[in-house]
Amino acid sequence: MYTIIFKSSALKELEQFPKQVVKRIVPAIDKLAIDPRPTGVKKLKGSNEDLYRIRVGDYRVLYTVKDIIRIVTIIRVGNRKDIYKVD
């Protein structure tokens, strides 16, 4: 089992979504504790970190995995049209 940790900014992003969207995203994030690289996961290129992405409808969850200490850190949660934009 992996431990799920949210960056504070990712938690704020998640709290801004409608409740029905959150009800779909949270179970997908919870499943990462069992399998941090499920079917359909994509490793993102062009980043200094090893970022992974899962899809939940029109929403994306970006996260990192630290296998040695068994931690999944949720970096960003957002709509697919906005998630990859650099602030």
N, C-alpha and C. Protein backbone atom coordinates (compact mmCIF):
# COMPACT_ATOMS: atom_id res chain seq x y z
N MET A 1 0.83 -1.19 0.00
CA MET A 1 0.00 0.00 0.00
C MET A 1 0.87 1.25 0.00
N TYR A 2 0.50 2.21 -0.82
CA TYR A 2 1.18 3.49 -0.88
C TYR A 2 0.37 4.51 -0.08
N THR A 3 1.05 5.52 0.43
CA THR A 3 0.39 6.62 1.12
C THR A 3 0.14 7.74 0.11
N ILE A 4 -1.06 8.30 0.14
CA ILE A 4 -1.42 9.40 -0.76
C ILE A 4 -1.23 10.71 -0.02
N ILE A 5 -0.46 11.63 -0.62
CA ILE A 5 -0.23 12.96 -0.05
C ILE A 5 -0.64 13.98 -1.11
N PHE A 6 -1.35 15.01 -0.69
CA PHE A 6 -1.76 16.09 -1.59
C PHE A 6 -0.90 17.32 -1.33
N LYS A 7 -0.41 17.96 -2.41
CA LYS A 7 0.14 19.30 -2.25
C LYS A 7 -1.04 20.20 -1.91
N SER A 8 -0.80 21.24 -1.14
CA SER A 8 -1.91 22.11 -0.74
C SER A 8 -2.58 22.74 -1.95
N SER A 9 -1.81 23.05 -2.98
CA SER A 9 -2.40 23.65 -4.18
C SER A 9 -3.32 22.65 -4.90
N ALA A 10 -2.96 21.38 -4.91
CA ALA A 10 -3.79 20.36 -5.54
C ALA A 10 -5.10 20.18 -4.76
N LEU A 11 -5.01 20.25 -3.46
CA LEU A 11 -6.22 20.13 -2.63
C LEU A 11 -7.15 21.31 -2.88
N LYS A 12 -6.60 22.51 -3.03
CA LYS A 12 -7.42 23.69 -3.33
C LYS A 12 -8.09 23.55 -4.69
N GLU A 13 -7.36 23.02 -5.68
CA GLU A 13 -7.93 22.82 -7.01
C GLU A 13 -9.11 21.84 -6.93
N LEU A 14 -8.92 20.77 -6.19
CA LEU A 14 -9.95 19.74 -6.05
C LEU A 14 -11.20 20.29 -5.37
N GLU A 15 -11.02 21.14 -4.37
CA GLU A 15 -12.15 21.70 -3.63
C GLU A 15 -12.99 22.65 -4.48
N GLN A 16 -12.45 23.16 -5.58
CA GLN A 16 -13.19 24.11 -6.42
C GLN A 16 -14.14 23.42 -7.39
N PHE A 17 -14.02 22.12 -7.57
CA PHE A 17 -14.87 21.40 -8.52
C PHE A 17 -16.24 21.11 -7.92
N PRO A 18 -17.24 20.94 -8.79
CA PRO A 18 -18.57 20.54 -8.30
C PRO A 18 -18.49 19.17 -7.59
N LYS A 19 -19.41 18.94 -6.68
CA LYS A 19 -19.39 17.71 -5.88
C LYS A 19 -19.44 16.45 -6.72
N GLN A 20 -20.22 16.45 -7.80
CA GLN A 20 -20.33 15.23 -8.62
C GLN A 20 -19.01 14.91 -9.31
N VAL A 21 -18.21 15.93 -9.63
CA VAL A 21 -16.90 15.71 -10.24
C VAL A 21 -15.93 15.16 -9.18
N VAL A 22 -15.97 15.72 -7.99
CA VAL A 22 -15.11 15.26 -6.90
C VAL A 22 -15.41 13.79 -6.57
N LYS A 23 -16.70 13.41 -6.63
CA LYS A 23 -17.08 12.02 -6.35
C LYS A 23 -16.50 11.05 -7.36
N ARG A 24 -16.13 11.51 -8.55
CA ARG A 24 -15.50 10.66 -9.55
C ARG A 24 -13.98 10.67 -9.41
N ILE A 25 -13.41 11.82 -9.03
CA ILE A 25 -11.96 11.95 -8.97
C ILE A 25 -11.37 11.28 -7.73
N VAL A 26 -11.99 11.46 -6.58
CA VAL A 26 -11.45 10.94 -5.32
C VAL A 26 -11.28 9.41 -5.34
N PRO A 27 -12.25 8.62 -5.82
CA PRO A 27 -12.02 7.17 -5.87
C PRO A 27 -10.86 6.79 -6.80
N ALA A 28 -10.68 7.53 -7.88
CA ALA A 28 -9.55 7.25 -8.79
C ALA A 28 -8.23 7.52 -8.08
N ILE A 29 -8.18 8.58 -7.27
CA ILE A 29 -6.98 8.88 -6.50
C ILE A 29 -6.75 7.81 -5.43
N ASP A 30 -7.82 7.38 -4.77
CA ASP A 30 -7.70 6.34 -3.75
C ASP A 30 -7.13 5.04 -4.31
N LYS A 31 -7.47 4.72 -5.55
CA LYS A 31 -6.96 3.50 -6.17
C LYS A 31 -5.45 3.55 -6.41
N LEU A 32 -4.90 4.75 -6.46
CA LEU A 32 -3.45 4.89 -6.64
C LEU A 32 -2.68 4.34 -5.44
N ALA A 33 -3.32 4.26 -4.28
CA ALA A 33 -2.67 3.69 -3.09
C ALA A 33 -2.39 2.20 -3.29
N ILE A 34 -3.22 1.54 -4.07
CA ILE A 34 -3.05 0.11 -4.34
C ILE A 34 -2.14 -0.11 -5.54
N ASP A 35 -2.40 0.62 -6.61
CA ASP A 35 -1.62 0.49 -7.84
C ASP A 35 -1.30 1.89 -8.37
N PRO A 36 -0.09 2.42 -8.09
CA PRO A 36 0.23 3.78 -8.50
C PRO A 36 0.44 3.94 -10.01
N ARG A 37 0.52 2.84 -10.72
CA ARG A 37 0.65 2.91 -12.18
C ARG A 37 -0.40 2.00 -12.84
N PRO A 38 -1.67 2.41 -12.74
CA PRO A 38 -2.74 1.56 -13.29
C PRO A 38 -2.75 1.57 -14.81
N THR A 39 -3.56 0.73 -15.39
CA THR A 39 -3.73 0.71 -16.84
C THR A 39 -4.20 2.08 -17.31
N GLY A 40 -3.59 2.59 -18.35
CA GLY A 40 -3.96 3.89 -18.89
C GLY A 40 -3.15 5.05 -18.34
N VAL A 41 -2.29 4.79 -17.36
CA VAL A 41 -1.45 5.86 -16.82
C VAL A 41 -0.42 6.26 -17.87
N LYS A 42 -0.04 7.51 -17.85
CA LYS A 42 0.95 8.00 -18.80
C LYS A 42 2.03 8.74 -18.05
N LYS A 43 3.28 8.43 -18.35
CA LYS A 43 4.40 9.17 -17.77
C LYS A 43 4.63 10.38 -18.67
N LEU A 44 4.67 11.56 -18.05
CA LEU A 44 4.80 12.79 -18.82
C LEU A 44 6.26 13.09 -19.13
N LYS A 45 6.50 13.56 -20.33
CA LYS A 45 7.85 13.91 -20.76
C LYS A 45 8.10 15.39 -20.56
N GLY A 46 9.37 15.78 -20.53
CA GLY A 46 9.71 17.19 -20.48
C GLY A 46 9.69 17.80 -19.10
N SER A 47 9.70 16.99 -18.09
CA SER A 47 9.68 17.51 -16.73
C SER A 47 10.90 16.97 -15.99
N ASN A 48 11.40 17.75 -15.03
CA ASN A 48 12.52 17.27 -14.23
C ASN A 48 12.08 16.16 -13.28
N GLU A 49 10.83 16.18 -12.88
CA GLU A 49 10.29 15.16 -12.00
C GLU A 49 9.72 14.02 -12.84
N ASP A 50 9.56 12.87 -12.23
CA ASP A 50 8.86 11.77 -12.89
C ASP A 50 7.37 11.94 -12.63
N LEU A 51 6.73 12.70 -13.50
CA LEU A 51 5.30 12.97 -13.37
C LEU A 51 4.49 11.94 -14.12
N TYR A 52 3.39 11.52 -13.50
CA TYR A 52 2.45 10.61 -14.12
C TYR A 52 1.11 11.29 -14.20
N ARG A 53 0.25 10.78 -15.12
CA ARG A 53 -1.07 11.37 -15.32
C ARG A 53 -2.11 10.26 -15.45
N ILE A 54 -3.21 10.42 -14.73
CA ILE A 54 -4.37 9.56 -14.96
C ILE A 54 -5.51 10.43 -15.44
N ARG A 55 -6.38 9.82 -16.23
CA ARG A 55 -7.56 10.51 -16.75
C ARG A 55 -8.79 10.10 -15.96
N VAL A 56 -9.63 11.08 -15.66
CA VAL A 56 -10.93 10.84 -15.05
C VAL A 56 -11.92 11.70 -15.82
N GLY A 57 -12.46 11.15 -16.90
CA GLY A 57 -13.34 11.93 -17.77
C GLY A 57 -12.56 13.07 -18.41
N ASP A 58 -13.05 14.30 -18.26
CA ASP A 58 -12.37 15.47 -18.81
C ASP A 58 -11.34 16.04 -17.84
N TYR A 59 -11.08 15.36 -16.75
CA TYR A 59 -10.16 15.85 -15.73
C TYR A 59 -8.91 14.98 -15.69
N ARG A 60 -7.82 15.60 -15.22
CA ARG A 60 -6.54 14.92 -15.13
C ARG A 60 -5.98 15.08 -13.73
N VAL A 61 -5.29 14.04 -13.27
CA VAL A 61 -4.60 14.06 -11.99
C VAL A 61 -3.12 13.84 -12.28
N LEU A 62 -2.28 14.82 -11.92
CA LEU A 62 -0.84 14.71 -12.10
C LEU A 62 -0.21 14.37 -10.76
N TYR A 63 0.69 13.40 -10.76
CA TYR A 63 1.26 12.95 -9.50
C TYR A 63 2.66 12.37 -9.70
N THR A 64 3.38 12.23 -8.59
CA THR A 64 4.69 11.57 -8.58
C THR A 64 4.60 10.34 -7.70
N VAL A 65 5.51 9.40 -7.95
CA VAL A 65 5.55 8.16 -7.16
C VAL A 65 6.96 7.98 -6.62
N LYS A 66 7.06 7.77 -5.32
CA LYS A 66 8.33 7.44 -4.68
C LYS A 66 8.22 6.00 -4.19
N ASP A 67 8.76 5.07 -4.99
CA ASP A 67 8.60 3.65 -4.68
C ASP A 67 9.35 3.22 -3.43
N ILE A 68 10.50 3.81 -3.17
CA ILE A 68 11.30 3.39 -2.02
C ILE A 68 10.56 3.64 -0.71
N ILE A 69 9.93 4.81 -0.60
CA ILE A 69 9.20 5.12 0.64
C ILE A 69 7.69 4.94 0.49
N ARG A 70 7.25 4.47 -0.69
CA ARG A 70 5.86 4.13 -0.97
C ARG A 70 4.90 5.30 -0.74
N ILE A 71 5.20 6.41 -1.44
CA ILE A 71 4.37 7.61 -1.34
C ILE A 71 3.97 8.07 -2.73
N VAL A 72 2.69 8.40 -2.89
CA VAL A 72 2.17 9.02 -4.11
C VAL A 72 1.80 10.45 -3.73
N THR A 73 2.41 11.43 -4.41
CA THR A 73 2.13 12.84 -4.13
C THR A 73 1.31 13.43 -5.27
N ILE A 74 0.12 13.88 -4.96
CA ILE A 74 -0.76 14.51 -5.95
C ILE A 74 -0.29 15.95 -6.14
N ILE A 75 0.14 16.27 -7.36
CA ILE A 75 0.70 17.58 -7.66
C ILE A 75 -0.37 18.56 -8.14
N ARG A 76 -1.19 18.12 -9.09
CA ARG A 76 -2.23 18.99 -9.66
C ARG A 76 -3.46 18.16 -10.01
N VAL A 77 -4.62 18.80 -9.95
CA VAL A 77 -5.88 18.22 -10.39
C VAL A 77 -6.58 19.30 -11.18
N GLY A 78 -7.01 18.95 -12.40
CA GLY A 78 -7.67 19.99 -13.19
C GLY A 78 -8.30 19.49 -14.46
N ASN A 79 -8.97 20.40 -15.14
CA ASN A 79 -9.59 20.09 -16.42
C ASN A 79 -8.50 19.88 -17.45
N ARG A 80 -8.76 19.02 -18.40
CA ARG A 80 -7.73 18.66 -19.39
C ARG A 80 -7.26 19.85 -20.22
N LYS A 81 -8.11 20.85 -20.39
CA LYS A 81 -7.71 22.00 -21.19
C LYS A 81 -6.77 22.94 -20.44
N ASP A 82 -6.75 22.87 -19.11
CA ASP A 82 -5.95 23.79 -18.30
C ASP A 82 -4.77 23.14 -17.58
N ILE A 83 -4.79 21.85 -17.41
CA ILE A 83 -3.86 21.18 -16.51
C ILE A 83 -2.39 21.29 -16.91
N TYR A 84 -2.12 21.33 -18.19
CA TYR A 84 -0.73 21.32 -18.65
C TYR A 84 -0.13 22.71 -18.85
N LYS A 85 -0.93 23.75 -18.63
CA LYS A 85 -0.43 25.12 -18.78
C LYS A 85 0.47 25.47 -17.59
N VAL A 86 1.59 26.09 -17.89
CA VAL A 86 2.51 26.52 -16.84
C VAL A 86 2.12 27.92 -16.39
N ASP A 87 2.01 28.10 -15.09
CA ASP A 87 1.60 29.40 -14.55
C ASP A 87 2.72 30.40 -14.59
